[in-house]
Amino acid sequence: MKPCSRKARPSPNVLQNINVGPVAAKVAGSVKKLGQQYKDATLVLYNKANLQPILVRKPDKNGDYQFLGLNTDLKTFIVAFDKKQQFNAVIQDNVVPK
């Protein structure tokens, strides 16, 4: 039997590294369902340039979320998925970190 070696390679289809410039910024907000704070969601921040996910977050118990350490030149959009699958995903487009 011949030994073989395997190396883990980074996958370009998962979360990506974004260069942080001299200014680090954040995107913050809250998730609501029928006007009430909602914690059972999954939020994904995407890069508009290549449509790849950057970060995945879940809101806290009050429905608030933050994506920290972003460059202010980054153009993004956020997709919120309902864990209970009672509602369609919601997209917030043209989100710019501040």
Foldseek 3Di string as FASTA:
>chain_A
DDDDDDDDDDDPQAADDDDADPDKFKDKDFDDDPRAGDQQKKKWKAFPVVRHTHDIDTADPRRIDMDTGHHQVTFIKMWIGGNVPPDHIDIGGRDGTD
